[in-house]
Amino acid sequence: AMLGLIAEVDPGMHIVFIDTGMHFHQTLQYRDTIQDFLGLTGINTVHPIKDEVKAVDPKGVLNKTDPDACCEVRKVRPLAPALEGFEAWITGRKRFHGGGRVNLPVVEFAEGKYKFNPLADWTHEHVDQYFADRKLPPHPLVADGYPSIGCWPCTVRPTDPNDVRSGRWVGFKKEECGLHLETKDRPRVF
């Protein structure tokens, strides 16, 4: 929904896609599909720094022992340089995602930047209606029972039908990848 709103305002707006190297192949295909469908021209794909990944996750299994560190090196660290020079950024987070997001403000200030969450008060039904009204193609895994999709090793179908994010990081006390946590609350990897 957020990308649809951006396309309505400015299809050339700077958008960051973090290719962690661990996405479902359907996610990468969907990125391309939605980019073409909406005519988005400002997508900047960023990647983890290979030497950093090699240093902390040489076998590609860090997600099994320390998912916080895995997310830090594969998501958080690649995003930081992409946000340099910007005073604000926009997210698609919503309160209905539950957990720490239930009290999500529309505007935050953290790490020296404003963060706007314009969809904070949207419901699941609102998102579905937005997609239907605009005939937006859904992520292919949504139809397969995945309402919240992250990297493939850390995403399963929800374990709680009332919690859309209950299929993320199953078995760990973790509900955010770290992109929306302040530095003091994230693991120190380097």
C-alpha atoms as a PDB file:
ATOM      1  CA  ALA A   1       0.000   0.000   0.000  1.00  0.00           C
ATOM      2  CA  MET A   2       2.821   2.417   0.835  1.00  0.00           C
ATOM      3  CA  LEU A   3       4.391   1.992  -2.588  1.00  0.00           C
ATOM      4  CA  GLY A   4       1.011   2.626  -4.201  1.00  0.00           C
ATOM      5  CA  LEU A   5       0.637   5.890  -2.301  1.00  0.00           C
ATOM      6  CA  ILE A   6       4.160   6.913  -3.259  1.00  0.00           C
ATOM      7  CA  ALA A   7       3.427   6.186  -6.925  1.00  0.00           C
ATOM      8  CA  GLU A   8       0.357   8.434  -6.739  1.00  0.00           C
ATOM      9  CA  VAL A   9       2.449  11.325  -5.409  1.00  0.00           C
ATOM     10  CA  ASP A  10       5.831  10.877  -7.100  1.00  0.00           C
ATOM     11  CA  PRO A  11       6.823   7.653  -8.899  1.00  0.00           C
ATOM     12  CA  GLY A  12      10.419   8.882  -8.899  1.00  0.00           C
ATOM     13  CA  MET A  13      10.614   9.233  -5.113  1.00  0.00           C
ATOM     14  CA  HIS A  14      13.724   7.678  -3.566  1.00  0.00           C
ATOM     15  CA  ILE A  15      12.774   4.190  -2.329  1.00  0.00           C
ATOM     16  CA  VAL A  16      15.208   1.807  -0.657  1.00  0.00           C
ATOM     17  CA  PHE A  17      14.882  -1.951  -1.131  1.00  0.00           C
ATOM     18  CA  ILE A  18      17.224  -3.921   1.104  1.00  0.00           C
ATOM     19  CA  ASP A  19      18.265  -7.126  -0.650  1.00  0.00           C
ATOM     20  CA  THR A  20      19.479  -9.148   2.316  1.00  0.00           C
ATOM     21  CA  GLY A  21      20.593 -12.055   0.160  1.00  0.00           C
ATOM     22  CA  MET A  22      18.055 -14.173   2.036  1.00  0.00           C
ATOM     23  CA  HIS A  23      14.740 -13.071   0.557  1.00  0.00           C
ATOM     24  CA  PHE A  24      12.262 -15.546  -0.864  1.00  0.00           C
ATOM     25  CA  HIS A  25      12.694 -15.576  -4.651  1.00  0.00           C
ATOM     26  CA  GLN A  26       9.022 -14.528  -4.806  1.00  0.00           C
ATOM     27  CA  THR A  27       9.906 -11.325  -2.943  1.00  0.00           C
ATOM     28  CA  LEU A  28      12.520 -10.362  -5.511  1.00  0.00           C
ATOM     29  CA  GLN A  29      10.080 -11.131  -8.319  1.00  0.00           C
ATOM     30  CA  TYR A  30       7.398  -9.086  -6.546  1.00  0.00           C
ATOM     31  CA  ARG A  31       9.750  -6.127  -6.186  1.00  0.00           C
ATOM     32  CA  ASP A  32      10.161  -6.115  -9.966  1.00  0.00           C
ATOM     33  CA  THR A  33       6.452  -6.715 -10.627  1.00  0.00           C
ATOM     34  CA  ILE A  34       5.233  -3.910  -8.357  1.00  0.00           C
ATOM     35  CA  GLN A  35       7.930  -1.540  -9.621  1.00  0.00           C
ATOM     36  CA  ASP A  36       6.749  -2.073 -13.209  1.00  0.00           C
ATOM     37  CA  PHE A  37       3.043  -2.051 -12.309  1.00  0.00           C
ATOM     38  CA  LEU A  38       3.298   1.266 -10.447  1.00  0.00           C
ATOM     39  CA  GLY A  39       5.900   2.836 -12.717  1.00  0.00           C
ATOM     40  CA  LEU A  40       8.295   3.422  -9.830  1.00  0.00           C
ATOM     41  CA  THR A  41      11.596   4.826 -11.070  1.00  0.00           C
ATOM     42  CA  GLY A  42      13.363   5.694  -7.816  1.00  0.00           C
ATOM     43  CA  ILE A  43      14.027   2.250  -6.345  1.00  0.00           C
ATOM     44  CA  ASN A  44      17.547   1.904  -5.001  1.00  0.00           C
ATOM     45  CA  THR A  45      18.479  -1.668  -4.080  1.00  0.00           C
ATOM     46  CA  VAL A  46      21.109  -1.906  -1.356  1.00  0.00           C
ATOM     47  CA  HIS A  47      22.975  -5.008  -0.219  1.00  0.00           C
ATOM     48  CA  PRO A  48      24.896  -6.073   2.871  1.00  0.00           C
ATOM     49  CA  ILE A  49      28.633  -5.480   2.765  1.00  0.00           C
ATOM     50  CA  LYS A  50      30.035  -8.845   1.663  1.00  0.00           C
ATOM     51  CA  ASP A  51      33.098  -8.694   3.927  1.00  0.00           C
ATOM     52  CA  GLU A  52      30.901  -7.952   6.950  1.00  0.00           C
ATOM     53  CA  VAL A  53      28.587 -10.869   6.186  1.00  0.00           C
ATOM     54  CA  LYS A  54      31.591 -13.133   5.637  1.00  0.00           C
ATOM     55  CA  ALA A  55      33.101 -12.028   8.968  1.00  0.00           C
ATOM     56  CA  VAL A  56      30.009 -12.665  11.112  1.00  0.00           C
ATOM     57  CA  ASP A  57      28.132 -15.274   9.082  1.00  0.00           C
ATOM     58  CA  PRO A  58      30.612 -17.270   6.976  1.00  0.00           C
ATOM     59  CA  LYS A  59      28.311 -20.319   6.794  1.00  0.00           C
ATOM     60  CA  GLY A  60      25.060 -18.390   6.276  1.00  0.00           C
ATOM     61  CA  VAL A  61      23.428 -19.732   9.435  1.00  0.00           C
ATOM     62  CA  LEU A  62      23.708 -16.777  11.844  1.00  0.00           C
ATOM     63  CA  ASN A  63      19.913 -16.467  11.769  1.00  0.00           C
ATOM     64  CA  LYS A  64      19.705 -19.773  13.697  1.00  0.00           C
ATOM     65  CA  THR A  65      21.922 -18.650  16.571  1.00  0.00           C
ATOM     66  CA  ASP A  66      21.744 -14.849  16.648  1.00  0.00           C
ATOM     67  CA  PRO A  67      18.967 -13.435  14.466  1.00  0.00           C
ATOM     68  CA  ASP A  68      19.535  -9.953  15.907  1.00  0.00           C
ATOM     69  CA  ALA A  69      23.102  -9.923  14.598  1.00  0.00           C
ATOM     70  CA  CYS A  70      21.957 -11.403  11.285  1.00  0.00           C
ATOM     71  CA  CYS A  71      19.394  -8.618  10.813  1.00  0.00           C
ATOM     72  CA  GLU A  72      21.927  -6.009  11.885  1.00  0.00           C
ATOM     73  CA  VAL A  73      24.475  -7.010   9.251  1.00  0.00           C
ATOM     74  CA  ARG A  74      21.962  -7.818   6.486  1.00  0.00           C
ATOM     75  CA  LYS A  75      19.385  -5.035   6.979  1.00  0.00           C
ATOM     76  CA  VAL A  76      20.300  -2.291   9.415  1.00  0.00           C
ATOM     77  CA  ARG A  77      23.880  -1.631   8.339  1.00  0.00           C
ATOM     78  CA  PRO A  78      23.030  -1.537   4.597  1.00  0.00           C
ATOM     79  CA  LEU A  79      20.163   0.917   5.217  1.00  0.00           C
ATOM     80  CA  ALA A  80      22.222   3.471   7.150  1.00  0.00           C
ATOM     81  CA  PRO A  81      24.253   4.794   4.189  1.00  0.00           C
ATOM     82  CA  ALA A  82      21.119   4.843   2.010  1.00  0.00           C
ATOM     83  CA  LEU A  83      19.494   7.256   4.475  1.00  0.00           C
ATOM     84  CA  GLU A  84      22.468   9.617   4.614  1.00  0.00           C
ATOM     85  CA  GLY A  85      21.566  13.092   3.442  1.00  0.00           C
ATOM     86  CA  PHE A  86      17.891  12.657   4.272  1.00  0.00           C
ATOM     87  CA  GLU A  87      16.215  14.342   7.234  1.00  0.00           C
ATOM     88  CA  ALA A  88      13.273  11.939   7.196  1.00  0.00           C
ATOM     89  CA  TRP A  89      12.088   8.602   5.928  1.00  0.00           C
ATOM     90  CA  ILE A  90       8.728   6.907   5.432  1.00  0.00           C
ATOM     91  CA  THR A  91       7.722   3.410   6.537  1.00  0.00           C
ATOM     92  CA  GLY A  92       4.738   1.185   5.825  1.00  0.00           C
ATOM     93  CA  ARG A  93       4.395  -0.054   9.413  1.00  0.00           C
ATOM     94  CA  LYS A  94       0.906  -0.441  10.835  1.00  0.00           C
ATOM     95  CA  ARG A  95      -0.504  -0.819  14.350  1.00  0.00           C
ATOM     96  CA  PHE A  96      -2.470  -3.946  13.450  1.00  0.00           C
ATOM     97  CA  HIS A  97       0.868  -5.732  13.080  1.00  0.00           C
ATOM     98  CA  GLY A  98       0.771  -5.962  16.871  1.00  0.00           C
ATOM     99  CA  GLY A  99       3.622  -6.276  19.341  1.00  0.00           C
ATOM    100  CA  GLY A 100       5.554  -3.069  19.796  1.00  0.00           C
ATOM    101  CA  ARG A 101       3.673  -1.559  16.872  1.00  0.00           C
ATOM    102  CA  VAL A 102       0.267  -1.326  18.591  1.00  0.00           C
ATOM    103  CA  ASN A 103       1.041   2.199  19.807  1.00  0.00           C
ATOM    104  CA  LEU A 104       2.939   3.251  16.692  1.00  0.00           C
ATOM    105  CA  PRO A 105       2.882   7.036  16.274  1.00  0.00           C
ATOM    106  CA  VAL A 106       2.388   8.606  12.866  1.00  0.00           C
ATOM    107  CA  VAL A 107       5.536  10.705  13.369  1.00  0.00           C
ATOM    108  CA  GLU A 108       8.671   9.727  15.281  1.00  0.00           C
ATOM    109  CA  PHE A 109      12.063  11.326  15.751  1.00  0.00           C
ATOM    110  CA  ALA A 110      14.948   8.939  16.327  1.00  0.00           C
ATOM    111  CA  GLU A 111      18.588   8.647  15.388  1.00  0.00           C
ATOM    112  CA  GLY A 112      18.542  12.271  14.198  1.00  0.00           C
ATOM    113  CA  LYS A 113      15.812  11.725  11.602  1.00  0.00           C
ATOM    114  CA  TYR A 114      12.074  12.029  11.393  1.00  0.00           C
ATOM    115  CA  LYS A 115      10.283   8.819  10.600  1.00  0.00           C
ATOM    116  CA  PHE A 116       6.781   8.984   9.160  1.00  0.00           C
ATOM    117  CA  ASN A 117       4.359   6.086   9.490  1.00  0.00           C
ATOM    118  CA  PRO A 118       1.388   7.315   7.414  1.00  0.00           C
ATOM    119  CA  LEU A 119      -0.295   3.901   7.447  1.00  0.00           C
ATOM    120  CA  ALA A 120      -0.048   3.508  11.226  1.00  0.00           C
ATOM    121  CA  ASP A 121      -3.810   3.522  11.752  1.00  0.00           C
ATOM    122  CA  TRP A 122      -4.716   1.465   8.679  1.00  0.00           C
ATOM    123  CA  THR A 123      -6.445  -1.834   9.389  1.00  0.00           C
ATOM    124  CA  HIS A 124      -5.902  -5.084   7.530  1.00  0.00           C
ATOM    125  CA  GLU A 125      -9.254  -4.464   5.833  1.00  0.00           C
ATOM    126  CA  HIS A 126      -8.150  -0.976   4.779  1.00  0.00           C
ATOM    127  CA  VAL A 127      -5.027  -2.424   3.156  1.00  0.00           C
ATOM    128  CA  ASP A 128      -7.070  -5.109   1.370  1.00  0.00           C
ATOM    129  CA  GLN A 129      -9.519  -2.477   0.104  1.00  0.00           C
ATOM    130  CA  TYR A 130      -6.688  -0.256  -1.125  1.00  0.00           C
ATOM    131  CA  PHE A 131      -5.222  -3.172  -3.093  1.00  0.00           C
ATOM    132  CA  ALA A 132      -8.640  -4.101  -4.516  1.00  0.00           C
ATOM    133  CA  ASP A 133      -9.572  -0.530  -5.496  1.00  0.00           C
ATOM    134  CA  ARG A 134      -6.316  -0.057  -7.373  1.00  0.00           C
ATOM    135  CA  LYS A 135      -6.074  -3.616  -8.673  1.00  0.00           C
ATOM    136  CA  LEU A 136      -2.602  -3.918  -7.137  1.00  0.00           C
ATOM    137  CA  PRO A 137      -1.004  -7.345  -7.449  1.00  0.00           C
ATOM    138  CA  PRO A 138      -0.422  -8.902  -4.017  1.00  0.00           C
ATOM    139  CA  HIS A 139       2.824 -10.486  -2.946  1.00  0.00           C
ATOM    140  CA  PRO A 140       2.488 -14.109  -4.162  1.00  0.00           C
ATOM    141  CA  LEU A 141       3.213 -15.528  -0.703  1.00  0.00           C
ATOM    142  CA  VAL A 142       0.198 -13.755   0.816  1.00  0.00           C
ATOM    143  CA  ALA A 143      -2.106 -16.189  -1.012  1.00  0.00           C
ATOM    144  CA  ASP A 144       0.044 -19.004   0.373  1.00  0.00           C
ATOM    145  CA  GLY A 145      -0.707 -17.953   3.963  1.00  0.00           C
ATOM    146  CA  TYR A 146       2.117 -15.507   4.713  1.00  0.00           C
ATOM    147  CA  PRO A 147       0.678 -12.148   5.851  1.00  0.00           C
ATOM    148  CA  SER A 148       4.097 -10.885   7.013  1.00  0.00           C
ATOM    149  CA  ILE A 149       7.123 -11.689   4.891  1.00  0.00           C
ATOM    150  CA  GLY A 150      10.785 -11.283   5.729  1.00  0.00           C
ATOM    151  CA  CYS A 151      13.831 -13.366   4.914  1.00  0.00           C
ATOM    152  CA  TRP A 152      13.060 -17.008   4.114  1.00  0.00           C
ATOM    153  CA  PRO A 153      14.985 -18.599   7.022  1.00  0.00           C
ATOM    154  CA  CYS A 154      13.078 -16.526   9.588  1.00  0.00           C
ATOM    155  CA  THR A 155       9.566 -16.501   8.096  1.00  0.00           C
ATOM    156  CA  VAL A 156       6.907 -19.184   8.405  1.00  0.00           C
ATOM    157  CA  ARG A 157       3.129 -19.056   8.240  1.00  0.00           C
ATOM    158  CA  PRO A 158       1.716 -17.434  11.403  1.00  0.00           C
ATOM    159  CA  THR A 159       1.663 -19.586  14.493  1.00  0.00           C
ATOM    160  CA  ASP A 160      -1.168 -17.429  15.924  1.00  0.00           C
ATOM    161  CA  PRO A 161      -3.994 -16.583  13.502  1.00  0.00           C
ATOM    162  CA  ASN A 162      -4.649 -13.360  15.431  1.00  0.00           C
ATOM    163  CA  ASP A 163      -1.058 -12.131  15.114  1.00  0.00           C
ATOM    164  CA  VAL A 164       0.082 -11.483  11.539  1.00  0.00           C
ATOM    165  CA  ARG A 165       3.735 -11.324  12.590  1.00  0.00           C
ATOM    166  CA  SER A 166       3.726 -14.516  14.677  1.00  0.00           C
ATOM    167  CA  GLY A 167       5.442 -16.334  11.828  1.00  0.00           C
ATOM    168  CA  ARG A 168       8.543 -14.182  12.111  1.00  0.00           C
ATOM    169  CA  TRP A 169      11.582 -15.331  14.114  1.00  0.00           C
ATOM    170  CA  VAL A 170       9.684 -18.260  15.640  1.00  0.00           C
ATOM    171  CA  GLY A 171      11.446 -19.577  18.731  1.00  0.00           C
ATOM    172  CA  PHE A 172      13.171 -16.273  19.490  1.00  0.00           C
ATOM    173  CA  LYS A 173      12.119 -13.335  21.657  1.00  0.00           C
ATOM    174  CA  LYS A 174      12.225 -11.023  18.678  1.00  0.00           C
ATOM    175  CA  GLU A 175       9.534  -9.008  16.944  1.00  0.00           C
ATOM    176  CA  GLU A 176      11.489  -6.419  14.937  1.00  0.00           C
ATOM    177  CA  CYS A 177      14.432  -6.794  12.583  1.00  0.00           C
ATOM    178  CA  GLY A 178      16.156  -3.754  14.039  1.00  0.00           C
ATOM    179  CA  LEU A 179      15.457  -1.156  11.362  1.00  0.00           C
ATOM    180  CA  HIS A 180      13.054   0.561  13.742  1.00  0.00           C
ATOM    181  CA  LEU A 181      15.079   0.198  16.937  1.00  0.00           C
ATOM    182  CA  GLU A 182      17.418   2.839  18.264  1.00  0.00           C
ATOM    183  CA  THR A 183      21.128   2.057  18.187  1.00  0.00           C
ATOM    184  CA  LYS A 184      21.225   1.498  21.960  1.00  0.00           C
ATOM    185  CA  ASP A 185      18.593  -1.243  21.609  1.00  0.00           C
ATOM    186  CA  ARG A 186      20.325  -3.146  18.784  1.00  0.00           C
ATOM    187  CA  PRO A 187      23.146  -5.684  19.036  1.00  0.00           C
ATOM    188  CA  ARG A 188      26.671  -4.482  18.565  1.00  0.00           C
ATOM    189  CA  VAL A 189      28.101  -6.461  15.646  1.00  0.00           C
ATOM    190  CA  PHE A 190      31.103  -4.312  14.671  1.00  0.00           C
END
